[in-house]
């Protein structure tokens, strides 16, 4: 893959990568480091990226996995430096963080079950943080259509999440 194609396909996803990394790491500097790492890995994989069907989904998954790895590494470093009295607090922090990550994973799985048009507007609205007029510009949908797609997507996800909650022990 040429550098111009790489730029066209992936550099515009910077904000989405940062948002995913920040939502996991909860630290600006670490999120920025994660963005850089994602781009380094993408560049290293550039010759194998032609088969990717959805660049945004691939990059978001990569950012999530990398951020989780960074979180685990950070936790490992913290626990090796802690005294026994601080370990309980650290364990609670890790449990809380991992539970939040599991919840994010469930939401992402629900998002994948939506029709493509609903997925796209949900990703643009909630991951890329675009306004409805900006989404209209990107997708060529009308603003009314975007609001309708968002409403239907949110309702469908709410129903899916309610089903999951009923089936959990």
N, C-alpha and C. Protein backbone atom coordinates (compact mmCIF):
# COMPACT_ATOMS: atom_id res chain seq x y z
N UNK A 1 0.85 -1.17 0.00
CA UNK A 1 0.00 0.00 0.00
C UNK A 1 0.90 1.24 0.00
N UNK A 2 0.58 2.14 -0.87
CA UNK A 2 1.33 3.39 -0.97
C UNK A 2 0.97 4.30 0.21
N UNK A 3 1.87 5.22 0.53
CA UNK A 3 1.63 6.12 1.66
C UNK A 3 0.41 7.00 1.43
N UNK A 4 0.14 7.40 0.20
CA UNK A 4 -1.03 8.25 -0.06
C UNK A 4 -2.32 7.49 0.21
N UNK A 5 -2.39 6.22 -0.17
CA UNK A 5 -3.58 5.42 0.12
C UNK A 5 -3.72 5.20 1.62
N UNK A 6 -2.60 4.96 2.28
CA UNK A 6 -2.62 4.79 3.74
C UNK A 6 -3.19 6.03 4.40
N UNK A 7 -2.71 7.20 4.00
CA UNK A 7 -3.21 8.46 4.56
C UNK A 7 -4.70 8.62 4.32
N UNK A 8 -5.14 8.34 3.10
CA UNK A 8 -6.55 8.49 2.77
C UNK A 8 -7.44 7.55 3.58
N UNK A 9 -6.98 6.35 3.79
CA UNK A 9 -7.80 5.35 4.48
C UNK A 9 -7.78 5.49 6.00
N UNK A 10 -6.63 5.87 6.58
CA UNK A 10 -6.50 5.73 8.03
C UNK A 10 -6.26 7.02 8.81
N UNK A 11 -5.66 8.03 8.24
CA UNK A 11 -5.35 9.22 9.03
C UNK A 11 -6.60 9.96 9.50
N UNK A 12 -7.70 9.85 8.77
CA UNK A 12 -8.93 10.49 9.18
C UNK A 12 -9.61 9.84 10.38
N UNK A 13 -9.08 8.71 10.82
CA UNK A 13 -9.68 7.98 11.94
C UNK A 13 -9.04 8.33 13.29
N UNK A 14 -8.22 9.35 13.29
CA UNK A 14 -7.48 9.74 14.50
C UNK A 14 -8.41 9.98 15.68
N UNK A 15 -9.48 10.74 15.47
CA UNK A 15 -10.39 11.07 16.58
C UNK A 15 -11.06 9.83 17.16
N UNK A 16 -11.47 8.91 16.29
CA UNK A 16 -12.11 7.69 16.77
C UNK A 16 -11.14 6.85 17.59
N UNK A 17 -9.91 6.74 17.12
CA UNK A 17 -8.89 5.98 17.85
C UNK A 17 -8.67 6.60 19.22
N UNK A 18 -8.52 7.92 19.24
CA UNK A 18 -8.27 8.61 20.50
C UNK A 18 -9.43 8.39 21.48
N UNK A 19 -10.66 8.52 20.99
CA UNK A 19 -11.82 8.36 21.87
C UNK A 19 -11.89 6.97 22.49
N UNK A 20 -11.64 5.95 21.68
CA UNK A 20 -11.66 4.59 22.20
C UNK A 20 -10.55 4.42 23.24
N UNK A 21 -9.35 4.87 22.90
CA UNK A 21 -8.22 4.72 23.83
C UNK A 21 -8.46 5.50 25.12
N UNK A 22 -8.98 6.71 25.00
CA UNK A 22 -9.22 7.52 26.19
C UNK A 22 -10.32 6.90 27.06
N UNK A 23 -11.35 6.33 26.43
CA UNK A 23 -12.43 5.73 27.20
C UNK A 23 -11.93 4.55 28.04
N UNK A 24 -10.88 3.91 27.58
CA UNK A 24 -10.32 2.77 28.31
C UNK A 24 -9.25 3.22 29.29
N UNK A 25 -8.34 4.07 28.83
CA UNK A 25 -7.18 4.44 29.64
C UNK A 25 -7.44 5.60 30.59
N UNK A 26 -8.43 6.43 30.26
CA UNK A 26 -8.83 7.57 31.08
C UNK A 26 -7.66 8.51 31.39
N UNK A 27 -6.78 8.67 30.41
CA UNK A 27 -5.61 9.53 30.57
C UNK A 27 -5.23 10.05 29.18
N UNK A 28 -5.13 11.37 29.05
CA UNK A 28 -4.85 11.97 27.74
C UNK A 28 -3.52 11.51 27.16
N UNK A 29 -2.48 11.54 27.97
CA UNK A 29 -1.14 11.17 27.49
C UNK A 29 -1.11 9.71 27.03
N UNK A 30 -1.69 8.83 27.82
CA UNK A 30 -1.72 7.42 27.45
C UNK A 30 -2.56 7.20 26.20
N UNK A 31 -3.66 7.92 26.08
CA UNK A 31 -4.50 7.80 24.88
C UNK A 31 -3.75 8.26 23.64
N UNK A 32 -3.00 9.35 23.77
CA UNK A 32 -2.20 9.84 22.65
C UNK A 32 -1.11 8.82 22.28
N UNK A 33 -0.51 8.19 23.29
CA UNK A 33 0.48 7.15 23.03
C UNK A 33 -0.17 5.97 22.30
N UNK A 34 -1.37 5.63 22.70
CA UNK A 34 -2.09 4.53 22.06
C UNK A 34 -2.37 4.85 20.59
N UNK A 35 -2.75 6.09 20.31
CA UNK A 35 -3.00 6.49 18.92
C UNK A 35 -1.73 6.30 18.10
N UNK A 36 -0.61 6.75 18.64
CA UNK A 36 0.65 6.59 17.92
C UNK A 36 0.98 5.12 17.68
N UNK A 37 0.75 4.31 18.70
CA UNK A 37 1.03 2.87 18.57
C UNK A 37 0.14 2.22 17.51
N UNK A 38 -1.12 2.63 17.47
CA UNK A 38 -2.04 2.09 16.45
C UNK A 38 -1.52 2.43 15.06
N UNK A 39 -1.12 3.69 14.86
CA UNK A 39 -0.62 4.07 13.55
C UNK A 39 0.69 3.36 13.20
N UNK A 40 1.53 3.12 14.17
CA UNK A 40 2.76 2.36 13.91
C UNK A 40 2.42 0.94 13.47
N UNK A 41 1.50 0.31 14.21
CA UNK A 41 1.11 -1.06 13.86
C UNK A 41 0.44 -1.11 12.49
N UNK A 42 -0.43 -0.13 12.22
CA UNK A 42 -1.07 -0.08 10.91
C UNK A 42 -0.04 0.05 9.79
N UNK A 43 0.94 0.91 10.00
CA UNK A 43 1.97 1.11 8.98
C UNK A 43 2.76 -0.18 8.76
N UNK A 44 3.05 -0.87 9.86
CA UNK A 44 3.77 -2.13 9.73
C UNK A 44 2.95 -3.20 9.00
N UNK A 45 1.63 -3.11 9.13
CA UNK A 45 0.73 -4.07 8.49
C UNK A 45 0.22 -3.60 7.12
N UNK A 46 0.69 -2.48 6.63
CA UNK A 46 0.11 -1.83 5.46
C UNK A 46 -0.01 -2.74 4.24
N UNK A 47 0.88 -3.69 4.08
CA UNK A 47 0.82 -4.57 2.92
C UNK A 47 -0.28 -5.63 3.05
N UNK A 48 -0.82 -5.78 4.25
CA UNK A 48 -1.87 -6.78 4.48
C UNK A 48 -3.24 -6.13 4.73
N UNK A 49 -3.36 -4.83 4.57
CA UNK A 49 -4.60 -4.13 4.89
C UNK A 49 -5.58 -4.06 3.73
N UNK A 50 -5.20 -4.53 2.57
CA UNK A 50 -6.10 -4.46 1.42
C UNK A 50 -7.34 -5.32 1.60
N UNK A 51 -7.25 -6.37 2.40
CA UNK A 51 -8.38 -7.28 2.60
C UNK A 51 -9.37 -6.79 3.66
N UNK A 52 -9.06 -5.69 4.33
CA UNK A 52 -9.94 -5.16 5.38
C UNK A 52 -11.18 -4.57 4.72
N UNK A 53 -12.36 -5.03 5.14
CA UNK A 53 -13.61 -4.53 4.56
C UNK A 53 -14.07 -3.24 5.22
N UNK A 54 -13.85 -3.10 6.51
CA UNK A 54 -14.31 -1.92 7.23
C UNK A 54 -13.12 -1.35 8.01
N UNK A 55 -12.48 -0.35 7.42
CA UNK A 55 -11.28 0.23 8.04
C UNK A 55 -11.57 0.75 9.44
N UNK A 56 -12.69 1.44 9.60
CA UNK A 56 -13.01 2.04 10.89
C UNK A 56 -13.19 0.99 11.97
N UNK A 57 -13.93 -0.06 11.68
CA UNK A 57 -14.14 -1.12 12.66
C UNK A 57 -12.82 -1.81 13.02
N UNK A 58 -11.99 -2.04 12.01
CA UNK A 58 -10.69 -2.68 12.24
C UNK A 58 -9.82 -1.82 13.15
N UNK A 59 -9.77 -0.54 12.86
CA UNK A 59 -8.93 0.38 13.63
C UNK A 59 -9.46 0.53 15.06
N UNK A 60 -10.77 0.60 15.21
CA UNK A 60 -11.36 0.72 16.55
C UNK A 60 -11.05 -0.52 17.37
N UNK A 61 -11.17 -1.69 16.76
CA UNK A 61 -10.85 -2.93 17.47
C UNK A 61 -9.37 -2.95 17.86
N UNK A 62 -8.52 -2.51 16.94
CA UNK A 62 -7.08 -2.47 17.21
C UNK A 62 -6.79 -1.51 18.37
N UNK A 63 -7.44 -0.35 18.36
CA UNK A 63 -7.23 0.63 19.42
C UNK A 63 -7.70 0.08 20.77
N UNK A 64 -8.85 -0.59 20.76
CA UNK A 64 -9.39 -1.17 22.00
C UNK A 64 -8.42 -2.21 22.55
N UNK A 65 -7.97 -3.12 21.69
CA UNK A 65 -7.05 -4.17 22.15
C UNK A 65 -5.74 -3.59 22.67
N UNK A 66 -5.20 -2.62 21.96
CA UNK A 66 -3.95 -2.00 22.38
C UNK A 66 -4.13 -1.27 23.72
N UNK A 67 -5.22 -0.55 23.87
CA UNK A 67 -5.46 0.18 25.12
C UNK A 67 -5.64 -0.80 26.29
N UNK A 68 -6.34 -1.90 26.04
CA UNK A 68 -6.49 -2.90 27.10
C UNK A 68 -5.14 -3.51 27.48
N UNK A 69 -4.29 -3.75 26.48
CA UNK A 69 -2.94 -4.25 26.77
C UNK A 69 -2.16 -3.24 27.61
N UNK A 70 -2.28 -1.96 27.25
CA UNK A 70 -1.58 -0.91 28.00
C UNK A 70 -2.11 -0.85 29.44
N UNK A 71 -3.41 -1.03 29.59
CA UNK A 71 -4.03 -1.01 30.92
C UNK A 71 -3.52 -2.17 31.77
N UNK A 72 -3.47 -3.35 31.17
CA UNK A 72 -2.96 -4.52 31.89
C UNK A 72 -1.50 -4.32 32.30
N UNK A 73 -0.71 -3.79 31.38
CA UNK A 73 0.70 -3.53 31.67
C UNK A 73 0.84 -2.52 32.80
N UNK A 74 0.03 -1.48 32.76
CA UNK A 74 0.05 -0.47 33.81
C UNK A 74 -0.33 -1.08 35.16
N UNK A 75 -1.36 -1.92 35.14
CA UNK A 75 -1.80 -2.58 36.37
C UNK A 75 -0.68 -3.46 36.92
N UNK A 76 -0.04 -4.20 36.03
CA UNK A 76 1.04 -5.09 36.47
C UNK A 76 2.16 -4.29 37.12
N UNK A 77 2.52 -3.17 36.52
CA UNK A 77 3.58 -2.32 37.09
C UNK A 77 3.15 -1.78 38.44
N UNK A 78 1.89 -1.35 38.54
CA UNK A 78 1.41 -0.79 39.81
C UNK A 78 1.41 -1.82 40.91
N UNK A 79 0.96 -3.04 40.62
CA UNK A 79 0.85 -4.04 41.68
C UNK A 79 2.21 -4.54 42.13
N UNK A 80 3.20 -4.52 41.26
CA UNK A 80 4.52 -4.96 41.69
C UNK A 80 5.19 -3.93 42.58
N UNK A 81 4.75 -2.68 42.50
CA UNK A 81 5.34 -1.63 43.31
C UNK A 81 4.56 -1.35 44.59
N UNK A 82 3.41 -1.96 44.73
CA UNK A 82 2.55 -1.67 45.87
C UNK A 82 2.91 -2.50 47.09
N UNK A 83 2.56 -1.94 48.24
CA UNK A 83 2.69 -2.75 49.44
C UNK A 83 1.40 -3.54 49.63
N UNK A 84 1.36 -4.53 50.49
CA UNK A 84 0.19 -5.40 50.64
C UNK A 84 -1.10 -4.65 51.00
N UNK A 85 -0.98 -3.56 51.75
CA UNK A 85 -2.18 -2.81 52.13
C UNK A 85 -2.84 -2.13 50.94
N UNK A 86 -2.06 -1.76 49.94
CA UNK A 86 -2.60 -1.08 48.77
C UNK A 86 -3.13 -2.06 47.74
N UNK A 87 -2.80 -3.33 47.85
CA UNK A 87 -3.21 -4.30 46.84
C UNK A 87 -4.71 -4.42 46.73
N UNK A 88 -5.45 -4.38 47.84
CA UNK A 88 -6.90 -4.50 47.81
C UNK A 88 -7.51 -3.37 47.01
N UNK A 89 -7.04 -2.15 47.24
CA UNK A 89 -7.54 -1.00 46.50
C UNK A 89 -7.25 -1.16 45.01
N UNK A 90 -6.08 -1.64 44.68
CA UNK A 90 -5.69 -1.84 43.30
C UNK A 90 -6.53 -2.93 42.65
N UNK A 91 -6.81 -4.00 43.39
CA UNK A 91 -7.66 -5.07 42.87
C UNK A 91 -9.07 -4.55 42.57
N UNK A 92 -9.59 -3.70 43.45
CA UNK A 92 -10.91 -3.11 43.22
C UNK A 92 -10.90 -2.23 41.98
N UNK A 93 -9.82 -1.46 41.81
CA UNK A 93 -9.69 -0.60 40.62
C UNK A 93 -9.68 -1.45 39.36
N UNK A 94 -8.90 -2.52 39.36
CA UNK A 94 -8.80 -3.39 38.19
C UNK A 94 -10.15 -4.05 37.91
N UNK A 95 -10.82 -4.53 38.94
CA UNK A 95 -12.12 -5.17 38.76
C UNK A 95 -13.12 -4.19 38.15
N UNK A 96 -13.14 -2.98 38.68
CA UNK A 96 -14.03 -1.94 38.15
C UNK A 96 -13.71 -1.63 36.68
N UNK A 97 -12.44 -1.50 36.38
CA UNK A 97 -12.00 -1.18 35.02
C UNK A 97 -12.34 -2.30 34.05
N UNK A 98 -12.07 -3.54 34.45
CA UNK A 98 -12.36 -4.67 33.58
C UNK A 98 -13.87 -4.84 33.36
N UNK A 99 -14.66 -4.55 34.39
CA UNK A 99 -16.11 -4.62 34.23
C UNK A 99 -16.58 -3.57 33.22
N UNK A 100 -16.01 -2.38 33.30
CA UNK A 100 -16.37 -1.33 32.34
C UNK A 100 -15.98 -1.75 30.93
N UNK A 101 -14.84 -2.39 30.78
CA UNK A 101 -14.40 -2.84 29.46
C UNK A 101 -15.32 -3.94 28.93
N UNK A 102 -15.76 -4.83 29.82
CA UNK A 102 -16.71 -5.87 29.40
C UNK A 102 -18.02 -5.25 28.93
N UNK A 103 -18.46 -4.23 29.63
CA UNK A 103 -19.69 -3.54 29.22
C UNK A 103 -19.52 -2.89 27.86
N UNK A 104 -18.36 -2.29 27.61
CA UNK A 104 -18.08 -1.69 26.31
C UNK A 104 -18.10 -2.76 25.22
N UNK A 105 -17.56 -3.92 25.53
CA UNK A 105 -17.54 -5.01 24.56
C UNK A 105 -18.97 -5.46 24.23
N UNK A 106 -19.83 -5.54 25.23
CA UNK A 106 -21.23 -5.93 25.01
C UNK A 106 -21.92 -4.89 24.12
N UNK A 107 -21.69 -3.62 24.40
CA UNK A 107 -22.28 -2.55 23.59
C UNK A 107 -21.79 -2.64 22.15
N UNK A 108 -20.50 -2.89 21.96
CA UNK A 108 -19.95 -3.01 20.60
C UNK A 108 -20.56 -4.21 19.88
N UNK A 109 -20.78 -5.31 20.59
CA UNK A 109 -21.42 -6.47 19.97
C UNK A 109 -22.85 -6.16 19.56
N UNK A 110 -23.56 -5.42 20.39
CA UNK A 110 -24.92 -5.01 20.04
C UNK A 110 -24.91 -4.09 18.83
N UNK A 111 -23.94 -3.20 18.77
CA UNK A 111 -23.82 -2.28 17.64
C UNK A 111 -23.61 -3.04 16.34
N UNK A 112 -22.83 -4.11 16.39
CA UNK A 112 -22.55 -4.91 15.20
C UNK A 112 -23.81 -5.59 14.65
N UNK A 113 -24.81 -5.79 15.48
CA UNK A 113 -26.04 -6.46 15.05
C UNK A 113 -27.02 -5.52 14.35
N UNK A 114 -26.73 -4.23 14.38
CA UNK A 114 -27.61 -3.26 13.73
C UNK A 114 -27.40 -3.27 12.22
N UNK A 115 -28.41 -2.80 11.48
CA UNK A 115 -28.21 -2.62 10.03
C UNK A 115 -27.06 -1.64 9.79
N UNK A 116 -26.41 -1.78 8.65
CA UNK A 116 -25.21 -0.99 8.33
C UNK A 116 -25.45 0.52 8.45
N UNK A 117 -26.59 1.00 7.98
CA UNK A 117 -26.85 2.45 8.04
C UNK A 117 -26.95 2.93 9.48
N UNK A 118 -27.58 2.14 10.34
CA UNK A 118 -27.69 2.50 11.75
C UNK A 118 -26.33 2.44 12.44
N UNK A 119 -25.55 1.42 12.12
CA UNK A 119 -24.20 1.32 12.68
C UNK A 119 -23.39 2.56 12.34
N UNK A 120 -23.44 2.93 11.08
CA UNK A 120 -22.62 4.05 10.61
C UNK A 120 -22.98 5.34 11.35
N UNK A 121 -24.27 5.66 11.45
CA UNK A 121 -24.64 6.92 12.11
C UNK A 121 -24.35 6.86 13.61
N UNK A 122 -24.51 5.69 14.22
CA UNK A 122 -24.18 5.56 15.65
C UNK A 122 -22.67 5.77 15.87
N UNK A 123 -21.85 5.19 15.00
CA UNK A 123 -20.41 5.34 15.13
C UNK A 123 -20.00 6.80 14.92
N UNK A 124 -20.58 7.43 13.91
CA UNK A 124 -20.24 8.82 13.65
C UNK A 124 -20.70 9.74 14.78
N UNK A 125 -21.85 9.45 15.33
CA UNK A 125 -22.40 10.31 16.39
C UNK A 125 -21.70 10.10 17.72
N UNK A 126 -21.50 8.83 18.09
CA UNK A 126 -21.03 8.56 19.45
C UNK A 126 -19.54 8.24 19.56
N UNK A 127 -18.91 7.78 18.49
CA UNK A 127 -17.48 7.51 18.56
C UNK A 127 -16.68 8.64 17.92
N UNK A 128 -17.19 9.15 16.81
CA UNK A 128 -16.48 10.25 16.14
C UNK A 128 -16.96 11.59 16.67
N UNK A 129 -18.04 11.59 17.44
CA UNK A 129 -18.59 12.80 18.06
C UNK A 129 -18.95 13.87 17.03
N UNK A 130 -19.52 13.44 15.91
CA UNK A 130 -19.95 14.39 14.89
C UNK A 130 -21.36 14.87 15.19
N UNK A 131 -21.65 16.08 14.80
CA UNK A 131 -23.00 16.62 14.93
C UNK A 131 -23.88 16.02 13.83
N UNK A 132 -25.18 16.20 13.96
CA UNK A 132 -26.09 15.67 12.94
C UNK A 132 -25.83 16.33 11.58
N UNK A 133 -25.62 17.64 11.50
CA UNK A 133 -25.28 18.22 10.19
C UNK A 133 -23.96 17.66 9.62
N UNK A 134 -22.98 17.39 10.47
CA UNK A 134 -21.72 16.82 10.00
C UNK A 134 -21.94 15.39 9.47
N UNK A 135 -22.78 14.63 10.17
CA UNK A 135 -23.09 13.27 9.72
C UNK A 135 -23.80 13.33 8.38
N UNK A 136 -24.72 14.29 8.24
CA UNK A 136 -25.44 14.45 6.97
C UNK A 136 -24.46 14.73 5.84
N UNK A 137 -23.47 15.53 6.11
CA UNK A 137 -22.46 15.86 5.11
C UNK A 137 -21.65 14.63 4.71
N UNK A 138 -21.31 13.81 5.69
CA UNK A 138 -20.49 12.62 5.43
C UNK A 138 -21.29 11.53 4.73
N UNK A 139 -22.52 11.30 5.17
CA UNK A 139 -23.29 10.15 4.69
C UNK A 139 -24.22 10.48 3.52
N UNK A 140 -24.49 11.76 3.31
CA UNK A 140 -25.45 12.20 2.30
C UNK A 140 -26.89 11.84 2.66
N UNK A 141 -27.14 11.47 3.93
CA UNK A 141 -28.51 11.28 4.42
C UNK A 141 -29.04 12.64 4.85
N UNK A 142 -30.36 12.77 4.89
CA UNK A 142 -30.94 14.00 5.40
C UNK A 142 -30.84 14.00 6.92
N UNK A 143 -30.92 15.17 7.51
CA UNK A 143 -30.84 15.26 8.97
C UNK A 143 -32.02 14.53 9.62
N UNK A 144 -33.18 14.60 8.99
CA UNK A 144 -34.35 13.89 9.51
C UNK A 144 -34.09 12.38 9.48
N UNK A 145 -33.53 11.90 8.39
CA UNK A 145 -33.22 10.48 8.26
C UNK A 145 -32.20 10.05 9.31
N UNK A 146 -31.22 10.89 9.54
CA UNK A 146 -30.19 10.57 10.55
C UNK A 146 -30.82 10.47 11.94
N UNK A 147 -31.68 11.41 12.28
CA UNK A 147 -32.35 11.36 13.59
C UNK A 147 -33.17 10.08 13.72
N UNK A 148 -33.84 9.71 12.64
CA UNK A 148 -34.65 8.49 12.65
C UNK A 148 -33.76 7.25 12.80
N UNK A 149 -32.66 7.20 12.06
CA UNK A 149 -31.74 6.07 12.17
C UNK A 149 -31.15 5.97 13.58
N UNK A 150 -30.78 7.11 14.15
CA UNK A 150 -30.25 7.12 15.52
C UNK A 150 -31.29 6.63 16.51
N UNK A 151 -32.51 7.09 16.36
CA UNK A 151 -33.59 6.69 17.27
C UNK A 151 -33.83 5.18 17.18
N UNK A 152 -33.91 4.68 15.97
CA UNK A 152 -34.12 3.23 15.79
C UNK A 152 -32.95 2.42 16.33
N UNK A 153 -31.74 2.90 16.07
CA UNK A 153 -30.55 2.20 16.55
C UNK A 153 -30.52 2.16 18.07
N UNK A 154 -30.81 3.29 18.68
CA UNK A 154 -30.81 3.33 20.16
C UNK A 154 -31.87 2.41 20.74
N UNK A 155 -33.05 2.41 20.13
CA UNK A 155 -34.13 1.52 20.60
C UNK A 155 -33.73 0.06 20.45
N UNK A 156 -33.16 -0.29 19.31
CA UNK A 156 -32.75 -1.68 19.09
C UNK A 156 -31.66 -2.09 20.07
N UNK A 157 -30.70 -1.20 20.31
CA UNK A 157 -29.63 -1.53 21.25
C UNK A 157 -30.17 -1.65 22.67
N UNK A 158 -31.10 -0.77 23.02
CA UNK A 158 -31.70 -0.83 24.36
C UNK A 158 -32.41 -2.18 24.54
N UNK A 159 -33.13 -2.62 23.51
CA UNK A 159 -33.83 -3.91 23.58
C UNK A 159 -32.83 -5.06 23.68
N UNK A 160 -31.75 -5.01 22.90
CA UNK A 160 -30.73 -6.05 22.95
C UNK A 160 -30.09 -6.11 24.34
N UNK A 161 -29.78 -4.95 24.89
CA UNK A 161 -29.15 -4.91 26.22
C UNK A 161 -30.10 -5.42 27.30
N UNK A 162 -31.39 -5.10 27.17
CA UNK A 162 -32.38 -5.59 28.12
C UNK A 162 -32.46 -7.12 28.06
N UNK A 163 -32.42 -7.67 26.86
CA UNK A 163 -32.43 -9.13 26.69
C UNK A 163 -31.21 -9.76 27.35
N UNK A 164 -30.07 -9.15 27.16
CA UNK A 164 -28.83 -9.68 27.75
C UNK A 164 -28.92 -9.64 29.27
N UNK A 165 -29.44 -8.54 29.82
CA UNK A 165 -29.56 -8.43 31.28
C UNK A 165 -30.49 -9.48 31.85
N UNK A 166 -31.57 -9.81 31.12
CA UNK A 166 -32.52 -10.82 31.61
C UNK A 166 -31.92 -12.21 31.59
N UNK A 167 -30.97 -12.44 30.70
CA UNK A 167 -30.39 -13.78 30.56
C UNK A 167 -29.15 -13.99 31.41
N UNK A 168 -28.64 -12.92 32.03
CA UNK A 168 -27.46 -13.07 32.89
C UNK A 168 -27.88 -13.60 34.24
N UNK A 169 -27.06 -14.45 34.84
CA UNK A 169 -27.40 -15.01 36.17
C UNK A 169 -27.33 -13.99 37.27
